[in-house]
Amino acid sequence: MRLVVQRVREASVTVGGESVAAIGGGVLVLAGMGHAAAQPETWPKIEAALAKLPVLRIFPDDHGHMNVSLTDYGGEILLVSQFTLYADCRKGRRPSFHLACPPDIAGPLFEKVLTATEKLLPGRVRSGIFAADMDVALTNWGPVTILLDSDDF
């Protein structure tokens, strides 16, 4: 699983002109599932990557240094599925998505990731709609963008 974590002042997801989720200060997390994410032995690595979300010290302290975690800041998470994080652009000009988990497997896996994230920050997690054509709006704060890959855990 690949996560793109963006510190935001605000973020929202709209589907078909209707707002489905919004947060104030916190992190927008784009989550992509590769084939390995579907393997049961990979789940501990996914959990380890998710466990970083509330504790990454990427929010400013009183001196402007990134020393405060999402938990201590009191922010929220907006979790959005994004299979394009597994785009393979090595050949030609059109990305291939053969490295991404197929939707019938990735959908339930995204729900499992959402549930695990909600357990880490109860009441402070929102999400987009899996496989929907979403408009994601954000005000990136910093900008601060962190890449997490479960393969690294």
N, C-alpha and C. Protein backbone atom coordinates (compact mmCIF):
# COMPACT_ATOMS: atom_id res chain seq x y z
N MET A 1 0.84 -1.17 0.00
CA MET A 1 0.00 0.00 0.00
C MET A 1 0.89 1.23 0.00
N ARG A 2 0.50 2.20 -0.79
CA ARG A 2 1.21 3.47 -0.82
C ARG A 2 0.28 4.56 -0.30
N LEU A 3 0.85 5.42 0.53
CA LEU A 3 0.11 6.53 1.10
C LEU A 3 0.82 7.84 0.77
N VAL A 4 0.07 8.78 0.27
CA VAL A 4 0.56 10.15 0.11
C VAL A 4 -0.15 10.96 1.19
N VAL A 5 0.63 11.47 2.13
CA VAL A 5 0.10 12.19 3.29
C VAL A 5 0.39 13.68 3.09
N GLN A 6 -0.66 14.47 3.02
CA GLN A 6 -0.50 15.91 2.83
C GLN A 6 -1.09 16.65 4.02
N ARG A 7 -0.26 17.47 4.66
CA ARG A 7 -0.75 18.32 5.74
C ARG A 7 -1.62 19.40 5.10
N VAL A 8 -2.84 19.55 5.62
CA VAL A 8 -3.78 20.49 5.01
C VAL A 8 -4.40 21.42 6.05
N ARG A 9 -4.74 22.58 5.59
CA ARG A 9 -5.56 23.50 6.40
C ARG A 9 -7.01 23.10 6.30
N GLU A 10 -7.39 22.55 5.13
CA GLU A 10 -8.73 22.01 4.91
C GLU A 10 -8.69 21.13 3.67
N ALA A 11 -9.62 20.18 3.60
CA ALA A 11 -9.73 19.30 2.44
C ALA A 11 -11.15 18.79 2.35
N SER A 12 -11.57 18.48 1.12
CA SER A 12 -12.94 17.98 0.93
C SER A 12 -13.01 17.09 -0.30
N VAL A 13 -14.05 16.27 -0.32
CA VAL A 13 -14.33 15.40 -1.45
C VAL A 13 -15.76 15.65 -1.89
N THR A 14 -15.91 15.84 -3.20
CA THR A 14 -17.23 16.05 -3.80
C THR A 14 -17.42 14.97 -4.86
N VAL A 15 -18.61 14.39 -4.90
CA VAL A 15 -18.96 13.41 -5.92
C VAL A 15 -20.26 13.85 -6.56
N GLY A 16 -20.24 14.05 -7.87
CA GLY A 16 -21.44 14.46 -8.58
C GLY A 16 -22.01 15.78 -8.08
N GLY A 17 -21.14 16.68 -7.66
CA GLY A 17 -21.58 17.98 -7.17
C GLY A 17 -22.03 17.99 -5.72
N GLU A 18 -22.01 16.84 -5.06
CA GLU A 18 -22.44 16.74 -3.66
C GLU A 18 -21.23 16.50 -2.76
N SER A 19 -21.13 17.26 -1.68
CA SER A 19 -20.05 17.08 -0.72
C SER A 19 -20.27 15.77 0.03
N VAL A 20 -19.23 14.91 0.05
CA VAL A 20 -19.34 13.64 0.77
C VAL A 20 -18.46 13.59 2.00
N ALA A 21 -17.44 14.45 2.06
CA ALA A 21 -16.56 14.48 3.22
C ALA A 21 -15.75 15.76 3.22
N ALA A 22 -15.48 16.27 4.42
CA ALA A 22 -14.66 17.47 4.54
C ALA A 22 -14.00 17.48 5.92
N ILE A 23 -12.79 18.05 5.96
CA ILE A 23 -12.10 18.23 7.23
C ILE A 23 -11.52 19.64 7.28
N GLY A 24 -11.23 20.08 8.48
CA GLY A 24 -10.47 21.30 8.68
C GLY A 24 -9.00 20.91 8.69
N GLY A 25 -8.23 21.46 9.62
CA GLY A 25 -6.81 21.13 9.70
C GLY A 25 -6.57 19.67 9.97
N GLY A 26 -5.57 19.11 9.30
CA GLY A 26 -5.25 17.70 9.49
C GLY A 26 -4.45 17.19 8.33
N VAL A 27 -4.74 15.95 7.91
CA VAL A 27 -4.04 15.36 6.77
C VAL A 27 -5.02 14.75 5.78
N LEU A 28 -4.73 14.98 4.52
CA LEU A 28 -5.38 14.28 3.43
C LEU A 28 -4.48 13.11 3.11
N VAL A 29 -5.03 11.90 3.10
CA VAL A 29 -4.25 10.70 2.82
C VAL A 29 -4.82 10.03 1.58
N LEU A 30 -4.00 10.00 0.53
CA LEU A 30 -4.35 9.28 -0.69
C LEU A 30 -3.77 7.89 -0.54
N ALA A 31 -4.62 6.87 -0.67
CA ALA A 31 -4.21 5.49 -0.42
C ALA A 31 -4.36 4.64 -1.67
N GLY A 32 -3.26 4.03 -2.10
CA GLY A 32 -3.28 3.13 -3.24
C GLY A 32 -2.94 1.72 -2.81
N MET A 33 -3.66 0.77 -3.38
CA MET A 33 -3.45 -0.64 -3.03
C MET A 33 -2.79 -1.37 -4.19
N GLY A 34 -1.63 -1.95 -3.93
CA GLY A 34 -0.98 -2.81 -4.91
C GLY A 34 -1.38 -4.25 -4.68
N HIS A 35 -0.96 -5.14 -5.55
CA HIS A 35 -1.33 -6.56 -5.43
C HIS A 35 -0.91 -7.16 -4.10
N ALA A 36 0.24 -6.77 -3.58
CA ALA A 36 0.73 -7.35 -2.32
C ALA A 36 -0.18 -7.00 -1.15
N ALA A 37 -0.89 -5.90 -1.23
CA ALA A 37 -1.77 -5.48 -0.13
C ALA A 37 -2.87 -6.50 0.14
N ALA A 38 -3.20 -7.31 -0.86
CA ALA A 38 -4.26 -8.30 -0.70
C ALA A 38 -3.78 -9.56 0.02
N GLN A 39 -2.48 -9.69 0.23
CA GLN A 39 -1.94 -10.88 0.88
C GLN A 39 -2.01 -10.72 2.40
N PRO A 40 -2.55 -11.73 3.10
CA PRO A 40 -2.69 -11.61 4.56
C PRO A 40 -1.39 -11.29 5.29
N GLU A 41 -0.27 -11.81 4.80
CA GLU A 41 1.01 -11.57 5.48
C GLU A 41 1.46 -10.12 5.35
N THR A 42 0.83 -9.36 4.46
CA THR A 42 1.18 -7.95 4.26
C THR A 42 0.45 -7.05 5.26
N TRP A 43 -0.65 -7.52 5.84
CA TRP A 43 -1.46 -6.67 6.71
C TRP A 43 -0.66 -6.04 7.87
N PRO A 44 0.24 -6.75 8.55
CA PRO A 44 1.01 -6.10 9.62
C PRO A 44 1.82 -4.89 9.12
N LYS A 45 2.32 -4.97 7.89
CA LYS A 45 3.05 -3.83 7.33
C LYS A 45 2.10 -2.66 7.05
N ILE A 46 0.91 -2.98 6.58
CA ILE A 46 -0.09 -1.93 6.33
C ILE A 46 -0.48 -1.27 7.64
N GLU A 47 -0.71 -2.08 8.67
CA GLU A 47 -1.03 -1.53 9.99
C GLU A 47 0.08 -0.63 10.52
N ALA A 48 1.32 -1.03 10.29
CA ALA A 48 2.46 -0.23 10.75
C ALA A 48 2.50 1.12 10.03
N ALA A 49 2.23 1.11 8.73
CA ALA A 49 2.20 2.37 7.98
C ALA A 49 1.05 3.25 8.47
N LEU A 50 -0.12 2.66 8.68
CA LEU A 50 -1.27 3.43 9.16
C LEU A 50 -1.01 4.00 10.56
N ALA A 51 -0.32 3.23 11.39
CA ALA A 51 -0.04 3.67 12.76
C ALA A 51 0.82 4.93 12.79
N LYS A 52 1.54 5.20 11.71
CA LYS A 52 2.35 6.42 11.63
C LYS A 52 1.48 7.68 11.49
N LEU A 53 0.30 7.54 10.90
CA LEU A 53 -0.51 8.72 10.58
C LEU A 53 -0.80 9.62 11.79
N PRO A 54 -1.26 9.09 12.90
CA PRO A 54 -1.56 10.00 14.02
C PRO A 54 -0.34 10.50 14.77
N VAL A 55 0.82 9.86 14.57
CA VAL A 55 1.99 10.22 15.39
C VAL A 55 3.10 10.96 14.63
N LEU A 56 2.99 11.06 13.31
CA LEU A 56 4.00 11.82 12.56
C LEU A 56 4.02 13.25 13.06
N ARG A 57 5.18 13.73 13.43
CA ARG A 57 5.30 15.09 13.97
C ARG A 57 5.52 16.07 12.81
N ILE A 58 4.40 16.43 12.18
CA ILE A 58 4.46 17.30 10.99
C ILE A 58 3.69 18.60 11.16
N PHE A 59 3.21 18.85 12.38
CA PHE A 59 2.50 20.10 12.65
C PHE A 59 3.41 21.01 13.49
N PRO A 60 3.27 22.32 13.32
CA PRO A 60 4.19 23.24 13.98
C PRO A 60 3.96 23.36 15.48
N ASP A 61 5.07 23.49 16.21
CA ASP A 61 4.98 23.81 17.63
C ASP A 61 4.97 25.33 17.77
N ASP A 62 5.10 25.82 18.98
CA ASP A 62 5.06 27.27 19.23
C ASP A 62 6.21 28.02 18.59
N HIS A 63 7.25 27.30 18.19
CA HIS A 63 8.42 27.93 17.57
C HIS A 63 8.43 27.74 16.05
N GLY A 64 7.35 27.15 15.50
CA GLY A 64 7.26 26.93 14.07
C GLY A 64 7.98 25.69 13.56
N HIS A 65 8.46 24.86 14.47
CA HIS A 65 9.15 23.62 14.09
C HIS A 65 8.14 22.48 13.98
N MET A 66 8.37 21.57 13.05
CA MET A 66 7.47 20.42 12.93
C MET A 66 7.76 19.47 14.08
N ASN A 67 7.02 19.64 15.16
CA ASN A 67 7.23 18.87 16.38
C ASN A 67 5.94 18.32 16.98
N VAL A 68 4.82 18.56 16.34
CA VAL A 68 3.53 18.20 16.91
C VAL A 68 2.86 17.15 16.02
N SER A 69 2.32 16.12 16.63
CA SER A 69 1.64 15.05 15.88
C SER A 69 0.20 15.46 15.58
N LEU A 70 -0.41 14.73 14.69
CA LEU A 70 -1.82 14.94 14.37
C LEU A 70 -2.68 14.75 15.62
N THR A 71 -2.36 13.75 16.40
CA THR A 71 -3.09 13.50 17.64
C THR A 71 -3.03 14.71 18.56
N ASP A 72 -1.83 15.25 18.77
CA ASP A 72 -1.68 16.40 19.66
C ASP A 72 -2.23 17.68 19.07
N TYR A 73 -2.18 17.80 17.76
CA TYR A 73 -2.72 18.98 17.07
C TYR A 73 -4.24 18.99 17.14
N GLY A 74 -4.83 17.79 17.19
CA GLY A 74 -6.29 17.69 17.22
C GLY A 74 -6.92 17.66 15.85
N GLY A 75 -6.13 17.36 14.83
CA GLY A 75 -6.64 17.37 13.46
C GLY A 75 -7.35 16.09 13.07
N GLU A 76 -7.81 16.09 11.83
CA GLU A 76 -8.57 14.98 11.28
C GLU A 76 -7.83 14.37 10.09
N ILE A 77 -8.33 13.22 9.66
CA ILE A 77 -7.81 12.55 8.47
C ILE A 77 -8.93 12.46 7.44
N LEU A 78 -8.61 12.81 6.20
CA LEU A 78 -9.50 12.55 5.08
C LEU A 78 -8.80 11.51 4.23
N LEU A 79 -9.38 10.30 4.18
CA LEU A 79 -8.78 9.16 3.49
C LEU A 79 -9.48 8.97 2.14
N VAL A 80 -8.68 8.94 1.07
CA VAL A 80 -9.21 8.85 -0.29
C VAL A 80 -8.48 7.73 -1.04
N SER A 81 -9.22 6.81 -1.62
CA SER A 81 -8.59 5.75 -2.41
C SER A 81 -8.08 6.32 -3.73
N GLN A 82 -6.89 5.86 -4.15
CA GLN A 82 -6.32 6.36 -5.40
C GLN A 82 -5.44 5.29 -6.03
N PHE A 83 -6.04 4.51 -6.92
CA PHE A 83 -5.31 3.42 -7.56
C PHE A 83 -4.17 3.93 -8.43
N THR A 84 -4.22 5.18 -8.86
CA THR A 84 -3.18 5.70 -9.75
C THR A 84 -1.83 5.83 -9.06
N LEU A 85 -1.77 5.64 -7.75
CA LEU A 85 -0.48 5.63 -7.07
C LEU A 85 0.37 4.45 -7.50
N TYR A 86 -0.25 3.48 -8.15
CA TYR A 86 0.47 2.32 -8.68
C TYR A 86 0.62 2.39 -10.20
N ALA A 87 0.59 3.58 -10.76
CA ALA A 87 0.80 3.74 -12.19
C ALA A 87 2.22 3.31 -12.57
N ASP A 88 2.32 2.58 -13.65
CA ASP A 88 3.60 2.19 -14.20
C ASP A 88 3.81 3.02 -15.47
N CYS A 89 4.77 3.93 -15.41
CA CYS A 89 5.00 4.87 -16.52
C CYS A 89 6.30 4.59 -17.25
N ARG A 90 6.83 3.39 -17.09
CA ARG A 90 8.13 3.08 -17.69
C ARG A 90 8.09 2.97 -19.21
N LYS A 91 6.97 2.53 -19.76
CA LYS A 91 6.88 2.35 -21.21
C LYS A 91 5.84 3.30 -21.79
N GLY A 92 6.17 3.85 -22.92
CA GLY A 92 5.21 4.66 -23.66
C GLY A 92 4.77 5.91 -22.91
N ARG A 93 3.62 6.43 -23.32
CA ARG A 93 3.11 7.67 -22.74
C ARG A 93 1.83 7.47 -21.94
N ARG A 94 1.23 6.30 -22.04
CA ARG A 94 0.01 6.01 -21.29
C ARG A 94 0.36 5.14 -20.10
N PRO A 95 0.06 5.59 -18.89
CA PRO A 95 0.37 4.77 -17.72
C PRO A 95 -0.39 3.45 -17.74
N SER A 96 0.27 2.43 -17.26
CA SER A 96 -0.38 1.14 -17.06
C SER A 96 -0.70 1.01 -15.58
N PHE A 97 -1.81 0.37 -15.28
CA PHE A 97 -2.22 0.22 -13.88
C PHE A 97 -2.24 -1.25 -13.47
N HIS A 98 -1.44 -2.07 -14.15
CA HIS A 98 -1.40 -3.49 -13.84
C HIS A 98 -0.82 -3.77 -12.46
N LEU A 99 -0.12 -2.81 -11.86
CA LEU A 99 0.44 -2.99 -10.53
C LEU A 99 -0.58 -2.72 -9.42
N ALA A 100 -1.69 -2.08 -9.79
CA ALA A 100 -2.75 -1.76 -8.80
C ALA A 100 -3.62 -2.99 -8.57
N CYS A 101 -4.10 -3.10 -7.37
CA CYS A 101 -5.01 -4.17 -6.99
C CYS A 101 -6.32 -3.99 -7.77
N PRO A 102 -6.92 -5.05 -8.30
CA PRO A 102 -8.20 -4.90 -9.00
C PRO A 102 -9.29 -4.39 -8.06
N PRO A 103 -10.25 -3.64 -8.61
CA PRO A 103 -11.28 -3.01 -7.76
C PRO A 103 -12.05 -3.97 -6.86
N ASP A 104 -12.33 -5.19 -7.33
CA ASP A 104 -13.10 -6.12 -6.50
C ASP A 104 -12.34 -6.57 -5.26
N ILE A 105 -11.03 -6.48 -5.30
CA ILE A 105 -10.20 -6.80 -4.14
C ILE A 105 -9.86 -5.52 -3.36
N ALA A 106 -9.55 -4.46 -4.10
CA ALA A 106 -9.14 -3.20 -3.46
C ALA A 106 -10.27 -2.56 -2.67
N GLY A 107 -11.52 -2.69 -3.12
CA GLY A 107 -12.66 -2.08 -2.42
C GLY A 107 -12.78 -2.56 -0.97
N PRO A 108 -12.90 -3.87 -0.75
CA PRO A 108 -12.96 -4.37 0.63
C PRO A 108 -11.69 -4.05 1.42
N LEU A 109 -10.55 -4.06 0.74
CA LEU A 109 -9.30 -3.73 1.41
C LEU A 109 -9.29 -2.27 1.86
N PHE A 110 -9.79 -1.37 1.01
CA PHE A 110 -9.89 0.04 1.40
C PHE A 110 -10.79 0.19 2.62
N GLU A 111 -11.90 -0.54 2.65
CA GLU A 111 -12.80 -0.49 3.81
C GLU A 111 -12.09 -0.97 5.08
N LYS A 112 -11.26 -1.99 4.94
CA LYS A 112 -10.49 -2.50 6.08
C LYS A 112 -9.48 -1.45 6.55
N VAL A 113 -8.84 -0.76 5.61
CA VAL A 113 -7.90 0.32 5.93
C VAL A 113 -8.65 1.46 6.62
N LEU A 114 -9.81 1.80 6.12
CA LEU A 114 -10.62 2.86 6.72
C LEU A 114 -10.99 2.50 8.16
N THR A 115 -11.43 1.28 8.39
CA THR A 115 -11.79 0.83 9.74
C THR A 115 -10.58 0.89 10.67
N ALA A 116 -9.43 0.43 10.19
CA ALA A 116 -8.22 0.46 11.01
C ALA A 116 -7.81 1.89 11.34
N THR A 117 -7.96 2.80 10.39
CA THR A 117 -7.62 4.21 10.61
C THR A 117 -8.58 4.84 11.61
N GLU A 118 -9.86 4.51 11.50
CA GLU A 118 -10.85 5.04 12.45
C GLU A 118 -10.56 4.57 13.88
N LYS A 119 -10.01 3.38 14.03
CA LYS A 119 -9.65 2.89 15.37
C LYS A 119 -8.50 3.69 15.96
N LEU A 120 -7.63 4.21 15.09
CA LEU A 120 -6.49 5.01 15.56
C LEU A 120 -6.92 6.41 16.01
N LEU A 121 -7.91 6.97 15.34
CA LEU A 121 -8.41 8.32 15.65
C LEU A 121 -9.94 8.32 15.62
N PRO A 122 -10.57 7.73 16.62
CA PRO A 122 -12.02 7.61 16.61
C PRO A 122 -12.72 8.97 16.46
N GLY A 123 -13.67 8.99 15.53
CA GLY A 123 -14.47 10.20 15.32
C GLY A 123 -13.76 11.30 14.53
N ARG A 124 -12.53 11.04 14.10
CA ARG A 124 -11.77 12.08 13.41
C ARG A 124 -11.29 11.65 12.03
N VAL A 125 -11.97 10.66 11.44
CA VAL A 125 -11.60 10.17 10.12
C VAL A 125 -12.81 10.27 9.19
N ARG A 126 -12.59 10.85 8.02
CA ARG A 126 -13.60 10.95 6.98
C ARG A 126 -13.02 10.25 5.75
N SER A 127 -13.88 9.95 4.78
CA SER A 127 -13.34 9.29 3.59
C SER A 127 -14.13 9.66 2.35
N GLY A 128 -13.46 9.47 1.22
CA GLY A 128 -14.12 9.58 -0.06
C GLY A 128 -14.90 8.30 -0.31
N ILE A 129 -15.38 8.14 -1.52
CA ILE A 129 -16.15 6.95 -1.90
C ILE A 129 -15.31 6.12 -2.85
N PHE A 130 -15.06 4.88 -2.49
CA PHE A 130 -14.23 4.01 -3.30
C PHE A 130 -14.77 3.91 -4.72
N ALA A 131 -13.88 4.05 -5.70
CA ALA A 131 -14.15 3.91 -7.13
C ALA A 131 -15.05 4.99 -7.71
N ALA A 132 -15.39 6.00 -6.93
CA ALA A 132 -16.20 7.10 -7.46
C ALA A 132 -15.30 8.08 -8.20
N ASP A 133 -15.89 8.85 -9.09
CA ASP A 133 -15.18 9.93 -9.76
C ASP A 133 -15.26 11.12 -8.81
N MET A 134 -14.20 11.31 -8.04
CA MET A 134 -14.20 12.30 -6.96
C MET A 134 -13.46 13.57 -7.35
N ASP A 135 -13.97 14.68 -6.88
CA ASP A 135 -13.23 15.95 -6.93
C ASP A 135 -12.68 16.17 -5.53
N VAL A 136 -11.37 16.23 -5.44
CA VAL A 136 -10.71 16.41 -4.15
C VAL A 136 -10.14 17.82 -4.12
N ALA A 137 -10.54 18.60 -3.12
CA ALA A 137 -10.02 19.96 -2.95
C ALA A 137 -9.24 20.01 -1.66
N LEU A 138 -8.13 20.76 -1.68
CA LEU A 138 -7.33 20.88 -0.48
C LEU A 138 -6.55 22.18 -0.49
N THR A 139 -6.24 22.61 0.69
CA THR A 139 -5.28 23.68 0.87
C THR A 139 -4.10 23.05 1.58
N ASN A 140 -3.05 22.75 0.80
CA ASN A 140 -1.87 22.11 1.34
C ASN A 140 -1.13 23.12 2.20
N TRP A 141 -0.84 22.73 3.42
CA TRP A 141 -0.25 23.63 4.41
C TRP A 141 1.25 23.39 4.45
N GLY A 142 2.00 24.31 3.96
CA GLY A 142 3.46 24.21 4.01
C GLY A 142 4.11 24.57 2.69
N PRO A 143 4.03 23.76 1.70
CA PRO A 143 3.40 22.44 1.64
C PRO A 143 4.23 21.37 2.36
N VAL A 144 3.50 20.44 2.94
CA VAL A 144 4.13 19.27 3.55
C VAL A 144 3.47 18.05 2.93
N THR A 145 4.27 17.22 2.27
CA THR A 145 3.80 15.99 1.66
C THR A 145 4.78 14.88 2.00
N ILE A 146 4.26 13.79 2.57
CA ILE A 146 5.07 12.66 3.01
C ILE A 146 4.60 11.41 2.26
N LEU A 147 5.53 10.61 1.79
CA LEU A 147 5.20 9.35 1.15
C LEU A 147 5.47 8.20 2.12
N LEU A 148 4.49 7.34 2.29
CA LEU A 148 4.66 6.12 3.10
C LEU A 148 4.33 4.92 2.23
N ASP A 149 5.16 3.90 2.29
CA ASP A 149 4.92 2.67 1.53
C ASP A 149 5.00 1.52 2.52
N SER A 150 3.97 0.70 2.56
CA SER A 150 3.95 -0.41 3.53
C SER A 150 5.12 -1.36 3.31
N ASP A 151 5.67 -1.39 2.10
CA ASP A 151 6.84 -2.26 1.84
C ASP A 151 8.04 -1.82 2.68
N ASP A 152 8.05 -0.58 3.15
CA ASP A 152 9.17 -0.07 3.94
C ASP A 152 9.06 -0.43 5.42
N PHE A 153 7.99 -1.09 5.81
CA PHE A 153 7.78 -1.39 7.23
C PHE A 153 7.97 -2.87 7.51
